[in-house]
Amino acid sequence: MAITRPLHLGLVGDVLVDRDVPAEAFDRVRSLLAAPDLLFGNLEGVYTDAPQPAPSLGVAVFPARHNVQAFGAVGFDVMACANNHIVDAGHAAMLATVADLRAQGVRCCGVGESLAAARKPAVLEAGGSRVAFLSYASVFPMGYEARSIVPGLAPLRAYNHFHEAYANYHIPGTPPRMETIPDSKDLANLAEDIAAARSQADLVVAAFHWGDFLRPFHLTDHERRTARFCIDHGVDLVVGHHHHALRGMEWYQGKPILYGLGHFVFDCRIEVPAEIAAALALIKSDGYEVAPREGWPLLPLHPDTRMTVYAWVTFVGGQPTGIGFVPCRLRPDGRVDAVSPESDEGREVVEYMAQCNRTQGLNGQIEADGPVIGGRRSLRVVPSK
């Protein structure tokens, strides 16, 4: 298909809506969400009135079914579904949620009635371009992965390997050095899926639910390695989510990597099981664990997670020509609000993003000349010179 004009993608991180009037959570950003040719988000959970909780369920996330109507109403075109909550209410609820989204015109990727179905891309057309979206989870309870005849999510696993902190030195009790080893079958599947998506589309976007949400800024070797693997195999844009707090952005081989878009709306009406609370208590998390926060009934997470972004990527002639973001804030009532980059709140988000890049050695440099999107000023992220 001939690419006839520039393409504008809008992207946000985890989205979880749980309220009486679901679409009201997006009321203050309606113009922003209406601006892109295609709008992407991660569907953090299933929406059902008949849950059948999975045996390996951790923290339960399954809002009532009426909430799913928010996504078509505010303009989402495609949603990644491979994440650690998508099977919380069972296979039937997962597949019913996908059907409810499709009925609104929202396409899904990353889950299905079998592994083959979960690996298939969602292919959408906009501006004369065909765009394929792939979705995988690296963080999820065991048993949520799809298999040949079992529904579930598309996995991209890696396994922790621990080394002594100092080579050739015994220091019992000291924290080890860790690296991850990719699952060879999952990695081979990913390469196959990218090739298949390339044969169907002009542009390929790969989305991953990954990372360590108990530490700010930090990127694991799994995230960096996987992102580069994707681009080396033909992906045009890599986008990550799961961390709750934002992560950095960079360019690799002329293609953008958005490591973590935080969460955009997160109505977190959950109860943490005693077993998980006890495990979290053993981890030095500096306040990043899930726990009540005074004045924030819908967001029992660290104050950093109140900052988020609407990310944008432009393509011209099938090539990415720009990336950036509009700074946004979550409010105590759970609604998300775009803020001016020059405001105190906006500057805090911009500096946080700059710190994400700086602390992780990423080449993304934030500049002030981003386009106006839906009436909101944005920032641009360019490769540092």
Protein backbone atom coordinates (compact mmCIF):
# COMPACT_ATOMS: atom_id res chain seq x y z
CA MET A 1 0.00 0.00 0.00
CA ALA A 2 1.36 3.44 -0.91
CA ILE A 3 2.06 5.67 2.07
CA THR A 4 0.31 8.89 1.15
CA ARG A 5 0.84 11.22 4.12
CA PRO A 6 2.51 11.57 7.53
CA LEU A 7 1.15 9.25 10.20
CA HIS A 8 0.69 10.35 13.82
CA LEU A 9 0.52 7.64 16.50
CA GLY A 10 -0.63 8.45 20.03
CA LEU A 11 0.42 6.07 22.80
CA VAL A 12 -0.32 5.76 26.50
CA GLY A 13 0.63 3.14 29.09
CA ASP A 14 -1.53 1.02 31.37
CA VAL A 15 -5.22 1.89 31.40
CA LEU A 16 -7.52 0.62 34.16
CA VAL A 17 -11.00 2.11 34.55
CA ASP A 18 -13.29 1.20 37.44
CA ARG A 19 -16.07 3.72 38.19
CA ASP A 20 -19.78 4.39 37.75
CA VAL A 21 -19.26 6.64 34.70
CA PRO A 22 -16.19 5.12 33.06
CA ALA A 23 -15.42 7.64 30.29
CA GLU A 24 -15.32 10.56 32.76
CA ALA A 25 -11.78 9.52 33.72
CA PHE A 26 -10.66 10.89 30.31
CA ASP A 27 -12.83 14.05 30.24
CA ARG A 28 -9.87 16.46 30.55
CA VAL A 29 -7.85 14.86 27.73
CA ARG A 30 -10.57 14.20 25.14
CA SER A 31 -9.05 16.56 22.55
CA LEU A 32 -5.63 14.96 23.05
CA LEU A 33 -6.96 11.43 22.53
CA ALA A 34 -8.89 12.52 19.43
CA ALA A 35 -5.80 13.96 17.72
CA PRO A 36 -3.78 10.93 16.46
CA ASP A 37 -4.44 8.81 13.41
CA LEU A 38 -4.19 5.76 15.69
CA LEU A 39 -4.40 5.65 19.49
CA PHE A 40 -2.72 2.82 21.44
CA GLY A 41 -2.88 1.79 25.10
CA ASN A 42 -2.32 -1.24 27.33
CA LEU A 43 -5.54 -2.79 28.68
CA GLU A 44 -4.54 -3.50 32.27
CA GLY A 45 -7.13 -6.07 33.25
CA VAL A 46 -10.36 -7.71 32.14
CA TYR A 47 -13.90 -6.37 32.44
CA THR A 48 -16.48 -8.86 33.61
CA ASP A 49 -19.49 -9.42 35.84
CA ALA A 50 -18.82 -13.16 36.00
CA PRO A 51 -15.21 -13.70 37.06
CA GLN A 52 -13.74 -17.17 37.42
CA PRO A 53 -10.47 -16.31 39.19
CA ALA A 54 -7.35 -18.06 37.95
CA PRO A 55 -5.71 -20.48 40.43
CA SER A 56 -2.38 -18.62 40.16
CA LEU A 57 -4.04 -15.23 40.65
CA GLY A 58 -1.96 -12.66 42.55
CA VAL A 59 -3.60 -9.24 42.93
CA ALA A 60 -7.10 -9.43 41.39
CA VAL A 61 -7.89 -6.85 38.69
CA PHE A 62 -11.26 -7.31 37.00
CA PRO A 63 -13.58 -4.25 37.04
CA ALA A 64 -17.26 -4.60 36.20
CA ARG A 65 -18.08 -5.14 32.54
CA HIS A 66 -19.72 -1.74 31.93
CA ASN A 67 -16.31 -0.07 32.31
CA VAL A 68 -15.03 -1.52 29.03
CA GLN A 69 -17.31 0.84 27.12
CA ALA A 70 -14.99 3.75 27.95
CA PHE A 71 -12.31 2.74 25.47
CA GLY A 72 -14.24 3.02 22.24
CA ALA A 73 -15.99 6.13 23.53
CA VAL A 74 -12.74 8.08 24.01
CA GLY A 75 -11.07 6.96 20.79
CA PHE A 76 -8.76 4.00 21.40
CA ASP A 77 -8.04 2.15 18.17
CA VAL A 78 -5.82 -0.69 19.40
CA MET A 79 -4.98 -2.12 22.80
CA ALA A 80 -2.21 -4.43 23.93
CA CYS A 81 -3.66 -7.14 26.14
CA ALA A 82 -0.65 -9.27 27.06
CA ASN A 83 -0.07 -8.36 30.70
CA ASN A 84 -0.05 -9.75 34.22
CA HIS A 85 -3.79 -9.20 34.88
CA ILE A 86 -5.43 -10.26 31.64
CA VAL A 87 -6.27 -13.81 32.86
CA ASP A 88 -7.15 -12.80 36.44
CA ALA A 89 -10.84 -13.57 35.91
CA GLY A 90 -10.31 -16.67 33.75
CA HIS A 91 -10.14 -17.48 30.05
CA ALA A 92 -13.82 -16.86 29.29
CA ALA A 93 -13.71 -13.35 30.77
CA MET A 94 -10.52 -12.56 28.84
CA LEU A 95 -12.03 -13.62 25.51
CA ALA A 96 -15.32 -11.85 26.28
CA THR A 97 -13.46 -8.61 27.02
CA VAL A 98 -11.69 -8.84 23.66
CA ALA A 99 -15.06 -9.38 21.97
CA ASP A 100 -16.55 -6.37 23.78
CA LEU A 101 -13.68 -4.20 22.57
CA ARG A 102 -13.97 -5.41 18.99
CA ALA A 103 -17.69 -4.59 19.05
CA GLN A 104 -16.66 -0.97 19.71
CA GLY A 105 -14.13 -0.98 16.87
CA VAL A 106 -11.13 -1.38 19.19
CA ARG A 107 -8.61 -3.95 17.96
CA CYS A 108 -6.64 -6.16 20.38
CA CYS A 109 -3.31 -7.96 20.25
CA GLY A 110 -1.33 -10.26 22.52
CA VAL A 111 -4.07 -12.67 23.66
CA GLY A 112 -6.22 -15.33 22.07
CA GLU A 113 -7.86 -18.73 22.25
CA SER A 114 -4.47 -20.33 21.51
CA LEU A 115 -0.80 -19.37 21.31
CA ALA A 116 -1.06 -19.01 17.53
CA ALA A 117 -3.96 -16.57 17.95
CA ALA A 118 -2.21 -14.60 20.71
CA ARG A 119 0.85 -14.12 18.49
CA LYS A 120 -1.09 -12.64 15.57
CA PRO A 121 -0.73 -8.90 15.01
CA ALA A 122 -3.57 -6.42 14.97
CA VAL A 123 -3.26 -4.72 11.57
CA LEU A 124 -4.88 -1.31 11.14
CA GLU A 125 -4.96 1.17 8.26
CA ALA A 126 -4.52 4.93 8.64
CA GLY A 127 -3.26 7.66 6.34
CA GLY A 128 -2.49 5.23 3.58
CA SER A 129 -0.34 3.08 5.90
CA ARG A 130 -0.91 -0.41 7.27
CA VAL A 131 0.37 -0.67 10.84
CA ALA A 132 0.83 -4.01 12.61
CA PHE A 133 0.78 -4.12 16.42
CA LEU A 134 2.30 -7.04 18.34
CA SER A 135 1.99 -7.49 22.12
CA TYR A 136 3.86 -9.70 24.61
CA ALA A 137 4.17 -10.07 28.36
CA SER A 138 7.36 -10.73 30.29
CA VAL A 139 5.70 -10.17 33.67
CA PHE A 140 2.76 -12.45 34.53
CA PRO A 141 1.70 -15.27 36.88
CA MET A 142 2.65 -18.76 35.74
CA GLY A 143 -0.14 -20.35 33.74
CA TYR A 144 -1.34 -17.15 32.07
CA GLU A 145 0.62 -17.94 28.90
CA ALA A 146 -1.29 -19.30 25.91
CA ARG A 147 -0.47 -22.77 24.64
CA SER A 148 -1.31 -24.74 21.50
CA ILE A 149 -4.90 -25.41 22.58
CA VAL A 150 -5.13 -23.25 25.72
CA PRO A 151 -6.16 -19.56 25.73
CA GLY A 152 -3.93 -16.90 27.25
CA LEU A 153 -1.31 -14.29 26.49
CA ALA A 154 1.70 -14.20 24.17
CA PRO A 155 4.79 -14.67 26.40
CA LEU A 156 8.28 -13.23 26.05
CA ARG A 157 9.99 -14.78 29.05
CA ALA A 158 13.49 -14.53 30.48
CA TYR A 159 15.05 -16.30 33.44
CA ASN A 160 17.03 -14.77 36.30
CA HIS A 161 20.62 -15.88 36.69
CA PHE A 162 22.59 -14.81 39.78
CA HIS A 163 26.33 -14.23 40.06
CA GLU A 164 28.48 -13.40 43.04
CA ALA A 165 28.84 -9.65 43.36
CA TYR A 166 32.61 -9.88 43.01
CA ALA A 167 34.29 -12.42 40.76
CA ASN A 168 36.44 -15.04 42.50
CA TYR A 169 35.47 -13.75 45.95
CA HIS A 170 33.26 -15.31 48.64
CA ILE A 171 31.10 -12.79 50.57
CA PRO A 172 28.10 -14.72 51.95
CA GLY A 173 24.93 -12.69 52.37
CA THR A 174 25.78 -9.84 50.00
CA PRO A 175 23.30 -9.00 47.19
CA PRO A 176 24.19 -10.88 43.99
CA ARG A 177 24.69 -9.50 40.52
CA MET A 178 21.87 -10.59 38.20
CA GLU A 179 21.47 -11.08 34.48
CA THR A 180 18.58 -12.54 32.52
CA ILE A 181 18.62 -15.32 29.96
CA PRO A 182 15.90 -15.17 27.28
CA ASP A 183 13.59 -18.11 26.70
CA SER A 184 14.89 -19.46 23.39
CA LYS A 185 11.46 -20.57 22.10
CA ASP A 186 9.77 -17.29 22.96
CA LEU A 187 12.58 -15.36 21.28
CA ALA A 188 12.31 -17.51 18.14
CA ASN A 189 8.55 -16.94 18.12
CA LEU A 190 9.11 -13.19 18.41
CA ALA A 191 11.42 -13.19 15.38
CA GLU A 192 8.86 -15.20 13.39
CA ASP A 193 6.05 -12.86 14.42
CA ILE A 194 7.98 -9.76 13.39
CA ALA A 195 8.69 -11.27 9.96
CA ALA A 196 5.02 -12.21 9.54
CA ALA A 197 3.88 -8.73 10.59
CA ARG A 198 6.33 -7.11 8.16
CA SER A 199 4.81 -9.11 5.32
CA GLN A 200 1.37 -7.69 6.14
CA ALA A 201 2.11 -4.07 6.98
CA ASP A 202 4.18 -1.00 6.19
CA LEU A 203 5.03 -0.39 9.87
CA VAL A 204 5.43 -2.75 12.83
CA VAL A 205 4.98 -1.75 16.49
CA ALA A 206 5.99 -4.19 19.25
CA ALA A 207 4.64 -3.66 22.78
CA PHE A 208 5.91 -5.35 25.95
CA HIS A 209 4.70 -5.63 29.53
CA TRP A 210 8.05 -5.77 31.32
CA GLY A 211 10.39 -4.30 33.91
CA ASP A 212 10.81 -3.78 37.66
CA PHE A 213 8.13 -1.53 39.14
CA LEU A 214 9.79 -1.47 42.58
CA ARG A 215 12.65 0.78 41.44
CA PRO A 216 12.48 4.19 39.74
CA PHE A 217 14.16 4.83 36.38
CA HIS A 218 15.78 1.36 36.27
CA LEU A 219 15.85 -0.67 33.03
CA THR A 220 16.64 -4.37 33.15
CA ASP A 221 18.99 -6.05 30.69
CA HIS A 222 15.93 -7.93 29.39
CA GLU A 223 14.24 -4.69 28.35
CA ARG A 224 17.28 -3.24 26.60
CA ARG A 225 18.20 -6.52 24.88
CA THR A 226 14.65 -7.25 23.70
CA ALA A 227 14.06 -3.73 22.36
CA ARG A 228 17.20 -3.85 20.26
CA PHE A 229 16.44 -7.39 19.11
CA CYS A 230 13.08 -6.19 17.80
CA ILE A 231 14.54 -3.30 15.85
CA ASP A 232 17.35 -5.46 14.47
CA HIS A 233 14.66 -7.83 13.18
CA GLY A 234 12.51 -5.16 11.52
CA VAL A 235 10.32 -3.44 14.13
CA ASP A 236 9.80 0.31 13.61
CA LEU A 237 8.75 1.23 17.17
CA VAL A 238 9.08 -0.50 20.55
CA VAL A 239 6.85 0.56 23.44
CA GLY A 240 6.87 -0.73 27.02
CA HIS A 241 4.55 -0.60 30.01
CA HIS A 242 3.99 -2.14 33.49
CA HIS A 243 6.35 0.00 35.61
CA HIS A 244 3.61 2.44 36.78
CA ALA A 245 6.28 5.14 37.01
CA LEU A 246 7.68 6.47 33.72
CA ARG A 247 10.79 5.18 31.96
CA GLY A 248 13.05 6.76 29.36
CA MET A 249 13.02 7.13 25.58
CA GLU A 250 15.84 6.67 23.09
CA TRP A 251 16.68 6.14 19.42
CA TYR A 252 18.40 2.97 18.19
CA GLN A 253 19.39 2.46 14.55
CA GLY A 254 17.11 5.37 13.67
CA LYS A 255 14.07 3.77 15.39
CA PRO A 256 12.43 4.87 18.66
CA ILE A 257 12.20 2.90 21.90
CA LEU A 258 9.72 4.11 24.52
CA TYR A 259 10.72 1.93 27.46
CA GLY A 260 7.83 2.67 29.80
CA LEU A 261 4.79 4.95 29.52
CA GLY A 262 3.65 4.46 33.11
CA HIS A 263 -0.09 4.32 33.56
CA PHE A 264 -2.54 6.81 32.08
CA VAL A 265 -5.71 6.11 34.07
CA PHE A 266 -5.41 3.68 36.95
CA ASP A 267 -8.51 3.14 39.09
CA CYS A 268 -6.72 0.74 41.42
CA ARG A 269 -9.54 -0.60 43.62
CA ILE A 270 -7.62 -3.65 44.75
CA GLU A 271 -6.85 -5.56 47.91
CA VAL A 272 -3.32 -6.89 48.24
CA PRO A 273 -3.36 -10.50 49.52
CA ALA A 274 -1.47 -11.12 52.75
CA GLU A 275 1.01 -13.41 50.98
CA ILE A 276 1.98 -10.73 48.47
CA ALA A 277 2.08 -8.00 51.12
CA ALA A 278 4.48 -10.15 53.17
CA ALA A 279 6.71 -10.73 50.15
CA LEU A 280 6.77 -7.01 49.31
CA ALA A 281 7.69 -6.22 52.91
CA LEU A 282 10.93 -8.17 52.45
CA ILE A 283 11.97 -6.04 49.47
CA LYS A 284 13.66 -2.67 49.91
CA SER A 285 11.38 -0.76 47.56
CA ASP A 286 11.68 2.83 48.87
CA GLY A 287 7.91 3.22 48.84
CA TYR A 288 7.25 1.82 45.35
CA GLU A 289 5.21 -1.10 46.67
CA VAL A 290 1.41 -1.23 46.43
CA ALA A 291 0.13 0.31 49.67
CA PRO A 292 -2.50 2.93 50.66
CA ARG A 293 -1.59 6.60 50.14
CA GLU A 294 -3.48 9.24 52.11
CA GLY A 295 -5.67 11.37 49.87
CA TRP A 296 -5.28 9.05 46.87
CA PRO A 297 -7.98 6.38 47.22
CA LEU A 298 -7.66 5.20 43.62
CA LEU A 299 -3.86 5.16 43.42
CA PRO A 300 -2.15 3.21 46.24
CA LEU A 301 1.28 3.77 44.70
CA HIS A 302 4.35 6.00 45.03
CA PRO A 303 3.89 9.74 44.26
CA ASP A 304 6.08 9.32 41.15
CA THR A 305 3.23 7.36 39.56
CA ARG A 306 1.00 10.45 39.59
CA MET A 307 3.08 11.71 36.64
CA THR A 308 2.41 10.31 33.19
CA VAL A 309 2.57 11.21 29.50
CA TYR A 310 0.74 11.03 26.22
CA ALA A 311 3.52 9.91 23.87
CA TRP A 312 3.53 10.64 20.15
CA VAL A 313 5.43 9.23 17.19
CA THR A 314 5.31 10.54 13.63
CA PHE A 315 6.17 8.57 10.49
CA VAL A 316 6.84 10.08 7.08
CA GLY A 317 7.38 7.82 4.09
CA GLY A 318 7.41 4.80 6.35
CA GLN A 319 10.21 6.14 8.55
CA PRO A 320 9.96 7.52 12.11
CA THR A 321 10.73 11.25 12.00
CA GLY A 322 9.86 12.38 15.51
CA ILE A 323 8.92 11.24 19.01
CA GLY A 324 7.91 13.14 22.11
CA PHE A 325 5.29 13.57 24.77
CA VAL A 326 2.69 15.79 26.39
CA PRO A 327 3.19 15.90 30.19
CA CYS A 328 0.14 14.74 32.14
CA ARG A 329 -0.87 14.28 35.79
CA LEU A 330 -3.27 11.99 37.57
CA ARG A 331 -5.60 13.66 40.07
CA PRO A 332 -6.93 12.33 43.40
CA ASP A 333 -10.29 11.61 41.73
CA GLY A 334 -8.49 9.34 39.24
CA ARG A 335 -8.91 11.59 36.22
CA VAL A 336 -5.95 12.35 33.99
CA ASP A 337 -5.07 15.92 33.04
CA ALA A 338 -2.64 17.28 30.42
CA VAL A 339 -0.46 20.07 31.84
CA SER A 340 1.64 22.82 30.29
CA PRO A 341 5.36 22.05 30.04
CA GLU A 342 6.03 25.52 31.51
CA SER A 343 3.89 24.96 34.62
CA ASP A 344 5.41 23.71 37.86
CA GLU A 345 3.62 20.38 37.40
CA GLY A 346 4.69 20.13 33.78
CA ARG A 347 8.33 20.94 34.52
CA GLU A 348 8.36 18.19 37.14
CA VAL A 349 7.24 15.62 34.54
CA VAL A 350 9.79 16.88 32.00
CA GLU A 351 12.62 16.72 34.53
CA TYR A 352 11.53 13.24 35.59
CA MET A 353 11.70 12.07 31.98
CA ALA A 354 15.11 13.70 31.61
CA GLN A 355 16.26 11.85 34.72
CA CYS A 356 14.94 8.57 33.29
CA ASN A 357 17.19 9.07 30.28
CA ARG A 358 20.18 10.44 32.17
CA THR A 359 20.36 7.76 34.87
CA GLN A 360 20.09 4.91 32.33
CA GLY A 361 22.52 6.33 29.79
CA LEU A 362 19.89 6.70 27.07
CA ASN A 363 20.49 9.00 24.12
CA GLY A 364 17.11 10.74 24.27
CA GLN A 365 17.44 14.51 24.65
CA ILE A 366 14.30 16.51 25.43
CA GLU A 367 13.67 19.67 23.41
CA ALA A 368 10.89 22.22 23.69
CA ASP A 369 9.80 22.41 20.04
CA GLY A 370 7.26 19.59 19.93
CA PRO A 371 4.04 19.99 17.96
CA VAL A 372 0.75 21.19 19.42
CA ILE A 373 -1.49 18.13 19.80
CA GLY A 374 -5.17 18.52 20.57
CA GLY A 375 -4.49 22.06 21.73
CA ARG A 376 -1.69 20.94 24.06
CA ARG A 377 2.00 21.77 23.72
CA SER A 378 4.35 18.82 23.57
CA LEU A 379 8.07 18.14 23.96
CA ARG A 380 10.27 16.47 21.37
CA VAL A 381 12.88 13.72 22.14
CA VAL A 382 15.85 13.68 19.76
CA PRO A 383 19.09 11.66 19.76
CA SER A 384 21.78 13.45 21.74
CA LYS A 385 24.69 14.69 19.65
